[in-house]
Amino acid sequence: MKIAVIGGNGTVGRAARLGLEADHEVISLSRSTSPGVDLTEPETISTALAAIGPVDALVSAAGVTPGGAVEDLTEEDLLAGFRGKALSQLSVVTRGLDYVNDGGSITLTSGIIGKERIAKGAPAAMANGALDAFVYAAAPEMPRGIRLNIVSPNVLKSATSYHPKFPGFTPVPDELVGRAYVRAVQGLDTGRIFEV
């Protein structure tokens, strides 16, 4: 299979890429690649996918949300969280459909925040919940037999700078996260949230 991984150089994206590239041709796309993808500029998704040509699977493992105590959050913070993680990945679906082969798949990335609570995590929880709900609702309506799934990882073992923000959580091995992407891409499921 030919697979494009958006955000393939980040912590989660690298886990996805390493899990998939053992058996497939994987093209990593990010702001630093050529062609480049910046999810805050949705037209770059279309431009990059047009440049690499049709793919069998499209994986999005990129996105960012601000953190903040609820009493300090502004509407701009909430909008930034929604745009930075949710809307940006929803654009991967809407813009990516034209470049995914019949019977292919699109896999997005949410996260444990939203199912579990951490301090100052409300914007991330909002974005993750929106993504999970979209995948659940949109999967039955995907055209041309394209499957739509989402991977929802805990904090990764390799993401040591995030560990203090997740007190009491057991970080998951990157390899397990990579396997979740393999299941999402190679399996039969659609509309599934793969929690790791």
N, C-alpha and C. Protein backbone atom coordinates (compact mmCIF):
# COMPACT_ATOMS: atom_id res chain seq x y z
N MET A 1 0.83 -1.19 0.00
CA MET A 1 0.00 0.00 0.00
C MET A 1 0.87 1.25 0.00
N LYS A 2 0.35 2.28 -0.59
CA LYS A 2 0.98 3.61 -0.54
C LYS A 2 0.21 4.42 0.50
N ILE A 3 0.93 4.88 1.52
CA ILE A 3 0.30 5.55 2.66
C ILE A 3 0.96 6.90 2.89
N ALA A 4 0.16 7.95 3.05
CA ALA A 4 0.67 9.27 3.42
C ALA A 4 0.38 9.49 4.90
N VAL A 5 1.41 9.86 5.66
CA VAL A 5 1.26 10.16 7.09
C VAL A 5 1.54 11.64 7.29
N ILE A 6 0.51 12.40 7.62
CA ILE A 6 0.68 13.82 7.91
C ILE A 6 1.08 13.95 9.37
N GLY A 7 2.19 14.64 9.61
CA GLY A 7 2.73 14.74 10.96
C GLY A 7 3.64 13.57 11.30
N GLY A 8 4.20 12.95 10.28
CA GLY A 8 5.01 11.75 10.46
C GLY A 8 6.32 11.94 11.19
N ASN A 9 6.71 13.20 11.44
CA ASN A 9 7.95 13.44 12.19
C ASN A 9 7.70 13.74 13.66
N GLY A 10 6.44 13.90 14.06
CA GLY A 10 6.11 14.14 15.47
C GLY A 10 6.14 12.84 16.26
N THR A 11 5.92 12.93 17.55
CA THR A 11 6.00 11.75 18.41
C THR A 11 4.99 10.68 18.01
N VAL A 12 3.73 11.04 17.92
CA VAL A 12 2.70 10.08 17.55
C VAL A 12 2.84 9.69 16.08
N GLY A 13 3.10 10.66 15.23
CA GLY A 13 3.27 10.39 13.80
C GLY A 13 4.42 9.45 13.51
N ARG A 14 5.50 9.61 14.26
CA ARG A 14 6.65 8.71 14.08
C ARG A 14 6.27 7.28 14.47
N ALA A 15 5.50 7.12 15.55
CA ALA A 15 5.04 5.79 15.95
C ALA A 15 4.16 5.17 14.86
N ALA A 16 3.27 5.98 14.29
CA ALA A 16 2.42 5.50 13.20
C ALA A 16 3.26 5.10 11.99
N ARG A 17 4.18 5.98 11.63
CA ARG A 17 5.03 5.74 10.45
C ARG A 17 5.85 4.47 10.61
N LEU A 18 6.48 4.31 11.77
CA LEU A 18 7.31 3.13 12.00
C LEU A 18 6.48 1.85 12.00
N GLY A 19 5.26 1.93 12.52
CA GLY A 19 4.39 0.75 12.50
C GLY A 19 3.99 0.36 11.09
N LEU A 20 3.79 1.34 10.24
CA LEU A 20 3.28 1.07 8.89
C LEU A 20 4.36 0.80 7.86
N GLU A 21 5.54 1.40 8.02
CA GLU A 21 6.53 1.31 6.94
C GLU A 21 7.22 -0.04 6.84
N ALA A 22 6.99 -0.92 7.80
CA ALA A 22 7.57 -2.27 7.70
C ALA A 22 7.01 -3.01 6.49
N ASP A 23 5.74 -2.76 6.17
CA ASP A 23 5.09 -3.50 5.09
C ASP A 23 4.56 -2.64 3.95
N HIS A 24 4.76 -1.32 4.04
CA HIS A 24 4.13 -0.44 3.05
C HIS A 24 5.07 0.69 2.65
N GLU A 25 4.74 1.33 1.53
CA GLU A 25 5.42 2.55 1.13
C GLU A 25 4.78 3.71 1.90
N VAL A 26 5.54 4.34 2.77
CA VAL A 26 5.00 5.42 3.60
C VAL A 26 5.67 6.73 3.22
N ILE A 27 4.84 7.73 2.95
CA ILE A 27 5.33 9.07 2.63
C ILE A 27 4.96 9.97 3.80
N SER A 28 5.98 10.54 4.43
CA SER A 28 5.76 11.42 5.57
C SER A 28 5.60 12.85 5.09
N LEU A 29 4.56 13.51 5.55
CA LEU A 29 4.29 14.90 5.18
C LEU A 29 4.22 15.76 6.43
N SER A 30 4.89 16.90 6.40
CA SER A 30 4.85 17.83 7.53
C SER A 30 5.19 19.22 7.01
N ARG A 31 5.27 20.18 7.92
CA ARG A 31 5.65 21.53 7.49
C ARG A 31 7.06 21.57 6.92
N SER A 32 7.91 20.62 7.33
CA SER A 32 9.32 20.66 6.91
C SER A 32 9.62 19.78 5.70
N THR A 33 8.62 19.08 5.16
CA THR A 33 8.87 18.24 3.99
C THR A 33 8.55 19.00 2.71
N SER A 34 8.94 18.43 1.61
CA SER A 34 8.59 18.99 0.32
C SER A 34 7.95 17.88 -0.52
N PRO A 35 6.68 17.95 -0.83
CA PRO A 35 5.77 19.06 -0.53
C PRO A 35 5.45 19.12 0.97
N GLY A 36 5.15 20.31 1.42
CA GLY A 36 4.88 20.52 2.84
C GLY A 36 3.39 20.58 3.14
N VAL A 37 3.04 20.19 4.36
CA VAL A 37 1.65 20.29 4.82
C VAL A 37 1.65 21.03 6.16
N ASP A 38 0.89 22.10 6.21
CA ASP A 38 0.65 22.83 7.45
C ASP A 38 -0.86 22.81 7.65
N LEU A 39 -1.33 22.04 8.63
CA LEU A 39 -2.76 21.85 8.79
C LEU A 39 -3.52 23.13 9.12
N THR A 40 -2.80 24.19 9.52
CA THR A 40 -3.48 25.47 9.73
C THR A 40 -3.73 26.18 8.40
N GLU A 41 -3.17 25.64 7.33
CA GLU A 41 -3.40 26.15 5.97
C GLU A 41 -3.94 24.99 5.13
N PRO A 42 -5.25 24.76 5.17
CA PRO A 42 -5.84 23.56 4.56
C PRO A 42 -5.49 23.34 3.09
N GLU A 43 -5.26 24.41 2.35
CA GLU A 43 -4.94 24.22 0.92
C GLU A 43 -3.64 23.45 0.74
N THR A 44 -2.75 23.46 1.75
CA THR A 44 -1.50 22.70 1.62
C THR A 44 -1.76 21.20 1.62
N ILE A 45 -2.87 20.77 2.21
CA ILE A 45 -3.23 19.34 2.18
C ILE A 45 -3.47 18.92 0.74
N SER A 46 -4.33 19.66 0.05
CA SER A 46 -4.64 19.34 -1.35
C SER A 46 -3.40 19.42 -2.22
N THR A 47 -2.60 20.45 -2.03
CA THR A 47 -1.40 20.64 -2.86
C THR A 47 -0.43 19.48 -2.69
N ALA A 48 -0.18 19.08 -1.44
CA ALA A 48 0.76 17.99 -1.19
C ALA A 48 0.24 16.66 -1.72
N LEU A 49 -1.04 16.38 -1.50
CA LEU A 49 -1.59 15.11 -1.97
C LEU A 49 -1.64 15.06 -3.49
N ALA A 50 -1.90 16.18 -4.13
CA ALA A 50 -1.86 16.21 -5.60
C ALA A 50 -0.46 15.93 -6.10
N ALA A 51 0.54 16.42 -5.37
CA ALA A 51 1.94 16.23 -5.79
C ALA A 51 2.39 14.78 -5.65
N ILE A 52 1.93 14.08 -4.61
CA ILE A 52 2.39 12.69 -4.42
C ILE A 52 1.50 11.69 -5.13
N GLY A 53 0.31 12.11 -5.54
CA GLY A 53 -0.58 11.22 -6.26
C GLY A 53 -1.47 10.40 -5.34
N PRO A 54 -2.38 9.61 -5.91
CA PRO A 54 -3.34 8.86 -5.12
C PRO A 54 -2.67 7.94 -4.11
N VAL A 55 -3.33 7.78 -2.95
CA VAL A 55 -2.82 6.90 -1.89
C VAL A 55 -3.89 5.89 -1.52
N ASP A 56 -3.44 4.79 -0.92
CA ASP A 56 -4.37 3.78 -0.42
C ASP A 56 -4.85 4.11 0.98
N ALA A 57 -4.02 4.84 1.71
CA ALA A 57 -4.39 5.24 3.07
C ALA A 57 -3.80 6.60 3.38
N LEU A 58 -4.55 7.35 4.16
CA LEU A 58 -4.13 8.68 4.60
C LEU A 58 -4.26 8.71 6.12
N VAL A 59 -3.16 9.06 6.79
CA VAL A 59 -3.12 9.11 8.25
C VAL A 59 -2.80 10.53 8.67
N SER A 60 -3.57 11.07 9.61
CA SER A 60 -3.27 12.38 10.17
C SER A 60 -2.89 12.20 11.63
N ALA A 61 -1.67 12.58 11.97
CA ALA A 61 -1.18 12.49 13.35
C ALA A 61 -0.59 13.84 13.74
N ALA A 62 -1.31 14.89 13.43
CA ALA A 62 -0.82 16.24 13.71
C ALA A 62 -1.93 17.04 14.37
N GLY A 63 -1.54 18.04 15.11
CA GLY A 63 -2.51 18.92 15.74
C GLY A 63 -1.98 19.45 17.05
N VAL A 64 -2.47 20.62 17.42
CA VAL A 64 -2.00 21.25 18.65
C VAL A 64 -3.17 22.00 19.29
N THR A 65 -3.20 21.98 20.62
CA THR A 65 -4.20 22.76 21.36
C THR A 65 -3.51 23.52 22.47
N PRO A 66 -4.03 24.71 22.80
CA PRO A 66 -3.47 25.42 23.96
C PRO A 66 -3.96 24.77 25.24
N GLY A 67 -3.19 24.92 26.30
CA GLY A 67 -3.64 24.49 27.62
C GLY A 67 -4.01 25.72 28.41
N GLY A 68 -4.80 25.54 29.43
CA GLY A 68 -5.13 26.68 30.27
C GLY A 68 -6.20 26.35 31.27
N ALA A 69 -6.13 27.01 32.42
CA ALA A 69 -7.17 26.86 33.42
C ALA A 69 -8.48 27.42 32.87
N VAL A 70 -9.58 26.81 33.22
CA VAL A 70 -10.87 27.20 32.66
C VAL A 70 -11.15 28.69 32.86
N GLU A 71 -10.83 29.20 34.05
CA GLU A 71 -11.15 30.62 34.31
C GLU A 71 -10.29 31.57 33.49
N ASP A 72 -9.20 31.07 32.91
CA ASP A 72 -8.32 31.91 32.10
C ASP A 72 -8.58 31.78 30.60
N LEU A 73 -9.36 30.79 30.20
CA LEU A 73 -9.57 30.55 28.77
C LEU A 73 -10.43 31.64 28.14
N THR A 74 -10.04 32.03 26.95
CA THR A 74 -10.82 32.98 26.17
C THR A 74 -11.47 32.25 25.01
N GLU A 75 -12.39 32.92 24.34
CA GLU A 75 -12.98 32.32 23.15
C GLU A 75 -11.91 32.06 22.10
N GLU A 76 -10.92 32.93 22.04
CA GLU A 76 -9.82 32.74 21.09
C GLU A 76 -9.04 31.47 21.40
N ASP A 77 -8.82 31.18 22.70
CA ASP A 77 -8.13 29.95 23.09
C ASP A 77 -8.92 28.72 22.64
N LEU A 78 -10.23 28.76 22.88
CA LEU A 78 -11.07 27.63 22.51
C LEU A 78 -11.11 27.45 21.00
N LEU A 79 -11.19 28.56 20.29
CA LEU A 79 -11.17 28.49 18.82
C LEU A 79 -9.84 27.95 18.32
N ALA A 80 -8.75 28.40 18.95
CA ALA A 80 -7.42 27.91 18.56
C ALA A 80 -7.31 26.41 18.79
N GLY A 81 -7.85 25.93 19.90
CA GLY A 81 -7.83 24.49 20.17
C GLY A 81 -8.64 23.71 19.16
N PHE A 82 -9.81 24.24 18.81
CA PHE A 82 -10.66 23.55 17.84
C PHE A 82 -10.01 23.55 16.46
N ARG A 83 -9.50 24.72 16.06
CA ARG A 83 -8.85 24.82 14.74
C ARG A 83 -7.56 24.00 14.69
N GLY A 84 -6.77 24.09 15.77
CA GLY A 84 -5.44 23.48 15.76
C GLY A 84 -5.44 21.97 15.76
N LYS A 85 -6.48 21.35 16.32
CA LYS A 85 -6.49 19.89 16.35
C LYS A 85 -7.69 19.28 15.64
N ALA A 86 -8.88 19.83 15.86
CA ALA A 86 -10.08 19.20 15.29
C ALA A 86 -10.32 19.63 13.84
N LEU A 87 -10.58 20.91 13.62
CA LEU A 87 -10.90 21.37 12.27
C LEU A 87 -9.78 21.05 11.29
N SER A 88 -8.54 21.16 11.74
CA SER A 88 -7.41 20.87 10.86
C SER A 88 -7.45 19.42 10.37
N GLN A 89 -7.80 18.48 11.26
CA GLN A 89 -7.86 17.08 10.84
C GLN A 89 -9.14 16.77 10.06
N LEU A 90 -10.22 17.49 10.36
CA LEU A 90 -11.43 17.31 9.56
C LEU A 90 -11.18 17.75 8.13
N SER A 91 -10.31 18.75 7.95
CA SER A 91 -9.92 19.17 6.61
C SER A 91 -9.13 18.08 5.89
N VAL A 92 -8.41 17.26 6.65
CA VAL A 92 -7.71 16.13 6.03
C VAL A 92 -8.73 15.18 5.41
N VAL A 93 -9.85 14.98 6.08
CA VAL A 93 -10.90 14.12 5.53
C VAL A 93 -11.52 14.76 4.29
N THR A 94 -12.00 15.98 4.42
CA THR A 94 -12.74 16.59 3.31
C THR A 94 -11.85 16.85 2.10
N ARG A 95 -10.63 17.26 2.32
CA ARG A 95 -9.72 17.51 1.20
C ARG A 95 -9.02 16.24 0.73
N GLY A 96 -8.85 15.29 1.63
CA GLY A 96 -8.14 14.07 1.29
C GLY A 96 -8.94 13.06 0.50
N LEU A 97 -10.26 13.12 0.60
CA LEU A 97 -11.10 12.13 -0.08
C LEU A 97 -10.78 11.98 -1.56
N ASP A 98 -10.51 13.08 -2.22
CA ASP A 98 -10.24 13.04 -3.66
C ASP A 98 -8.94 12.32 -4.00
N TYR A 99 -8.09 12.09 -3.01
CA TYR A 99 -6.77 11.50 -3.27
C TYR A 99 -6.63 10.10 -2.68
N VAL A 100 -7.69 9.57 -2.06
CA VAL A 100 -7.67 8.22 -1.49
C VAL A 100 -8.36 7.28 -2.47
N ASN A 101 -7.68 6.18 -2.79
CA ASN A 101 -8.22 5.20 -3.72
C ASN A 101 -9.50 4.56 -3.18
N ASP A 102 -10.33 4.06 -4.09
CA ASP A 102 -11.53 3.32 -3.69
C ASP A 102 -11.13 2.20 -2.73
N GLY A 103 -11.91 2.02 -1.68
CA GLY A 103 -11.62 0.96 -0.71
C GLY A 103 -10.48 1.28 0.23
N GLY A 104 -9.96 2.50 0.18
CA GLY A 104 -8.84 2.89 1.04
C GLY A 104 -9.32 3.31 2.42
N SER A 105 -8.46 4.04 3.12
CA SER A 105 -8.83 4.45 4.48
C SER A 105 -8.21 5.79 4.85
N ILE A 106 -8.89 6.45 5.78
CA ILE A 106 -8.37 7.67 6.40
C ILE A 106 -8.40 7.42 7.91
N THR A 107 -7.29 7.72 8.57
CA THR A 107 -7.19 7.55 10.02
C THR A 107 -6.76 8.87 10.64
N LEU A 108 -7.54 9.34 11.61
CA LEU A 108 -7.22 10.56 12.34
C LEU A 108 -6.65 10.22 13.71
N THR A 109 -6.29 11.25 14.47
CA THR A 109 -5.71 11.06 15.80
C THR A 109 -6.39 11.98 16.81
N SER A 110 -6.90 11.39 17.89
CA SER A 110 -7.42 12.19 19.00
C SER A 110 -6.49 11.99 20.20
N GLY A 111 -7.00 11.53 21.32
CA GLY A 111 -6.14 11.31 22.47
C GLY A 111 -6.94 11.02 23.72
N ILE A 112 -6.24 10.64 24.77
CA ILE A 112 -6.88 10.21 26.01
C ILE A 112 -7.56 11.37 26.74
N ILE A 113 -7.08 12.60 26.52
CA ILE A 113 -7.70 13.75 27.19
C ILE A 113 -9.10 13.92 26.61
N GLY A 114 -10.07 13.87 27.46
CA GLY A 114 -11.47 13.86 27.06
C GLY A 114 -12.15 12.64 27.62
N LYS A 115 -11.42 11.54 27.68
CA LYS A 115 -11.89 10.34 28.36
C LYS A 115 -11.32 10.30 29.77
N GLU A 116 -10.16 10.90 29.93
CA GLU A 116 -9.51 11.07 31.24
C GLU A 116 -9.19 12.55 31.38
N ARG A 117 -9.12 13.03 32.62
CA ARG A 117 -8.90 14.45 32.85
C ARG A 117 -7.47 14.73 33.28
N ILE A 118 -6.94 15.84 32.80
CA ILE A 118 -5.68 16.39 33.31
C ILE A 118 -5.90 17.88 33.53
N ALA A 119 -5.07 18.46 34.37
CA ALA A 119 -5.18 19.89 34.63
C ALA A 119 -4.96 20.68 33.34
N LYS A 120 -5.77 21.68 33.13
CA LYS A 120 -5.66 22.59 32.00
C LYS A 120 -5.86 21.89 30.65
N GLY A 121 -6.61 20.80 30.66
CA GLY A 121 -6.78 20.01 29.44
C GLY A 121 -8.11 20.20 28.73
N ALA A 122 -8.94 21.15 29.18
CA ALA A 122 -10.27 21.30 28.57
C ALA A 122 -10.24 21.58 27.07
N PRO A 123 -9.35 22.45 26.56
CA PRO A 123 -9.33 22.66 25.10
C PRO A 123 -8.98 21.38 24.33
N ALA A 124 -8.04 20.59 24.84
CA ALA A 124 -7.69 19.33 24.18
C ALA A 124 -8.85 18.35 24.25
N ALA A 125 -9.54 18.30 25.40
CA ALA A 125 -10.69 17.41 25.54
C ALA A 125 -11.78 17.76 24.54
N MET A 126 -12.03 19.05 24.36
CA MET A 126 -13.03 19.51 23.41
C MET A 126 -12.68 19.04 21.99
N ALA A 127 -11.43 19.24 21.60
CA ALA A 127 -11.00 18.87 20.25
C ALA A 127 -11.05 17.36 20.05
N ASN A 128 -10.55 16.60 21.03
CA ASN A 128 -10.55 15.14 20.92
C ASN A 128 -11.97 14.59 20.84
N GLY A 129 -12.86 15.14 21.67
CA GLY A 129 -14.25 14.69 21.65
C GLY A 129 -14.91 14.97 20.31
N ALA A 130 -14.63 16.12 19.75
CA ALA A 130 -15.19 16.47 18.44
C ALA A 130 -14.71 15.51 17.37
N LEU A 131 -13.42 15.18 17.40
CA LEU A 131 -12.87 14.26 16.41
C LEU A 131 -13.48 12.87 16.53
N ASP A 132 -13.54 12.35 17.77
CA ASP A 132 -14.12 11.02 17.98
C ASP A 132 -15.56 10.98 17.49
N ALA A 133 -16.35 12.01 17.82
CA ALA A 133 -17.75 12.05 17.42
C ALA A 133 -17.90 12.14 15.90
N PHE A 134 -17.05 12.94 15.27
CA PHE A 134 -17.11 13.07 13.81
C PHE A 134 -16.86 11.72 13.14
N VAL A 135 -15.82 11.02 13.57
CA VAL A 135 -15.48 9.73 12.96
C VAL A 135 -16.64 8.75 13.13
N TYR A 136 -17.20 8.69 14.33
CA TYR A 136 -18.32 7.79 14.60
C TYR A 136 -19.50 8.09 13.66
N ALA A 137 -19.82 9.37 13.50
CA ALA A 137 -20.98 9.77 12.70
C ALA A 137 -20.73 9.73 11.20
N ALA A 138 -19.52 10.08 10.78
CA ALA A 138 -19.23 10.21 9.35
C ALA A 138 -18.87 8.89 8.68
N ALA A 139 -18.35 7.93 9.43
CA ALA A 139 -17.87 6.68 8.82
C ALA A 139 -18.91 5.98 7.94
N PRO A 140 -20.17 5.86 8.36
CA PRO A 140 -21.13 5.17 7.49
C PRO A 140 -21.44 5.91 6.19
N GLU A 141 -21.09 7.19 6.12
CA GLU A 141 -21.40 7.99 4.94
C GLU A 141 -20.21 8.17 4.01
N MET A 142 -19.08 7.56 4.34
CA MET A 142 -17.90 7.73 3.50
C MET A 142 -18.13 7.11 2.12
N PRO A 143 -17.71 7.80 1.06
CA PRO A 143 -17.95 7.29 -0.29
C PRO A 143 -16.93 6.23 -0.71
N ARG A 144 -17.27 5.52 -1.76
CA ARG A 144 -16.37 4.62 -2.48
C ARG A 144 -15.71 3.56 -1.60
N GLY A 145 -16.38 3.16 -0.53
CA GLY A 145 -15.84 2.11 0.33
C GLY A 145 -14.65 2.55 1.17
N ILE A 146 -14.45 3.86 1.28
CA ILE A 146 -13.33 4.37 2.10
C ILE A 146 -13.71 4.25 3.57
N ARG A 147 -12.81 3.67 4.35
CA ARG A 147 -13.04 3.51 5.79
C ARG A 147 -12.47 4.72 6.53
N LEU A 148 -13.10 5.08 7.64
CA LEU A 148 -12.66 6.20 8.47
C LEU A 148 -12.57 5.73 9.92
N ASN A 149 -11.38 5.86 10.50
CA ASN A 149 -11.13 5.47 11.89
C ASN A 149 -10.32 6.55 12.59
N ILE A 150 -10.13 6.35 13.90
CA ILE A 150 -9.33 7.29 14.69
C ILE A 150 -8.57 6.52 15.75
N VAL A 151 -7.34 6.93 15.98
CA VAL A 151 -6.52 6.36 17.05
C VAL A 151 -6.49 7.37 18.20
N SER A 152 -6.72 6.87 19.42
CA SER A 152 -6.78 7.72 20.60
C SER A 152 -5.75 7.24 21.61
N PRO A 153 -4.51 7.74 21.51
CA PRO A 153 -3.46 7.23 22.39
C PRO A 153 -3.38 7.94 23.74
N ASN A 154 -2.87 7.20 24.71
CA ASN A 154 -2.44 7.76 25.99
C ASN A 154 -1.14 8.51 25.71
N VAL A 155 -0.55 9.11 26.72
CA VAL A 155 0.75 9.75 26.55
C VAL A 155 1.77 8.66 26.20
N LEU A 156 2.64 8.95 25.24
CA LEU A 156 3.61 7.95 24.78
C LEU A 156 4.84 7.92 25.68
N LYS A 157 5.43 6.75 25.78
CA LYS A 157 6.62 6.57 26.61
C LYS A 157 7.74 7.50 26.17
N SER A 158 7.88 7.70 24.87
CA SER A 158 8.97 8.53 24.36
C SER A 158 8.72 10.03 24.55
N ALA A 159 7.49 10.42 24.88
CA ALA A 159 7.15 11.84 25.03
C ALA A 159 7.40 12.29 26.46
N THR A 160 8.65 12.17 26.90
CA THR A 160 8.98 12.40 28.31
C THR A 160 8.66 13.82 28.79
N SER A 161 8.70 14.79 27.90
CA SER A 161 8.40 16.16 28.32
C SER A 161 6.93 16.32 28.72
N TYR A 162 6.06 15.41 28.27
CA TYR A 162 4.65 15.47 28.62
C TYR A 162 4.31 14.69 29.89
N HIS A 163 5.20 13.81 30.33
CA HIS A 163 4.89 12.95 31.48
C HIS A 163 4.47 13.72 32.72
N PRO A 164 5.11 14.86 33.08
CA PRO A 164 4.67 15.59 34.28
C PRO A 164 3.22 16.09 34.19
N LYS A 165 2.70 16.28 32.99
CA LYS A 165 1.32 16.74 32.82
C LYS A 165 0.32 15.61 32.99
N PHE A 166 0.81 14.38 33.04
CA PHE A 166 -0.04 13.19 33.15
C PHE A 166 0.32 12.40 34.41
N PRO A 167 0.19 13.00 35.60
CA PRO A 167 0.59 12.30 36.82
C PRO A 167 -0.28 11.07 37.07
N GLY A 168 0.40 9.95 37.37
CA GLY A 168 -0.31 8.71 37.64
C GLY A 168 -0.69 7.91 36.41
N PHE A 169 -0.48 8.47 35.23
CA PHE A 169 -0.77 7.74 33.99
C PHE A 169 0.39 6.81 33.68
N THR A 170 0.10 5.70 33.04
CA THR A 170 1.14 4.79 32.59
C THR A 170 1.39 5.05 31.11
N PRO A 171 2.52 5.68 30.77
CA PRO A 171 2.81 5.95 29.36
C PRO A 171 2.85 4.66 28.54
N VAL A 172 2.35 4.73 27.32
CA VAL A 172 2.29 3.54 26.47
C VAL A 172 3.50 3.48 25.55
N PRO A 173 3.99 2.26 25.29
CA PRO A 173 5.11 2.11 24.35
C PRO A 173 4.72 2.59 22.95
N ASP A 174 5.63 3.27 22.30
CA ASP A 174 5.38 3.77 20.95
C ASP A 174 4.97 2.65 20.01
N GLU A 175 5.54 1.47 20.19
CA GLU A 175 5.23 0.34 19.31
C GLU A 175 3.75 -0.04 19.37
N LEU A 176 3.15 0.03 20.57
CA LEU A 176 1.72 -0.27 20.70
C LEU A 176 0.87 0.76 19.96
N VAL A 177 1.29 2.00 20.02
CA VAL A 177 0.57 3.05 19.30
C VAL A 177 0.69 2.80 17.79
N GLY A 178 1.88 2.44 17.34
CA GLY A 178 2.08 2.12 15.93
C GLY A 178 1.18 0.98 15.48
N ARG A 179 1.00 -0.03 16.33
CA ARG A 179 0.13 -1.16 15.98
C ARG A 179 -1.33 -0.73 15.83
N ALA A 180 -1.74 0.24 16.63
CA ALA A 180 -3.12 0.73 16.49
C ALA A 180 -3.34 1.34 15.11
N TYR A 181 -2.35 2.06 14.61
CA TYR A 181 -2.47 2.62 13.25
C TYR A 181 -2.47 1.51 12.21
N VAL A 182 -1.69 0.46 12.43
CA VAL A 182 -1.70 -0.68 11.51
C VAL A 182 -3.10 -1.29 11.46
N ARG A 183 -3.71 -1.48 12.63
CA ARG A 183 -5.08 -2.03 12.67
C ARG A 183 -6.06 -1.11 11.96
N ALA A 184 -5.94 0.19 12.20
CA ALA A 184 -6.87 1.14 11.58
C ALA A 184 -6.74 1.14 10.06
N VAL A 185 -5.51 1.04 9.57
CA VAL A 185 -5.25 1.10 8.13
C VAL A 185 -5.51 -0.24 7.45
N GLN A 186 -5.04 -1.33 8.02
CA GLN A 186 -5.10 -2.63 7.36
C GLN A 186 -6.33 -3.46 7.72
N GLY A 187 -7.01 -3.10 8.79
CA GLY A 187 -8.15 -3.90 9.24
C GLY A 187 -9.41 -3.65 8.43
N LEU A 188 -10.51 -4.19 8.94
CA LEU A 188 -11.80 -4.08 8.27
C LEU A 188 -12.71 -3.03 8.91
N ASP A 189 -12.33 -2.55 10.09
CA ASP A 189 -13.20 -1.65 10.85
C ASP A 189 -13.35 -0.29 10.18
N THR A 190 -14.50 0.31 10.44
CA THR A 190 -14.72 1.71 10.09
C THR A 190 -15.56 2.34 11.20
N GLY A 191 -15.31 3.62 11.46
CA GLY A 191 -16.01 4.31 12.53
C GLY A 191 -15.50 3.92 13.91
N ARG A 192 -14.33 3.34 13.95
CA ARG A 192 -13.78 2.78 15.19
C ARG A 192 -12.81 3.75 15.85
N ILE A 193 -12.89 3.84 17.18
CA ILE A 193 -11.92 4.58 17.97
C ILE A 193 -10.97 3.56 18.58
N PHE A 194 -9.73 3.55 18.12
CA PHE A 194 -8.73 2.62 18.65
C PHE A 194 -8.03 3.28 19.83
N GLU A 195 -8.40 2.89 21.04
CA GLU A 195 -7.80 3.45 22.24
C GLU A 195 -6.56 2.65 22.61
N VAL A 196 -5.47 3.37 22.87
CA VAL A 196 -4.21 2.72 23.22
C VAL A 196 -3.75 3.27 24.56
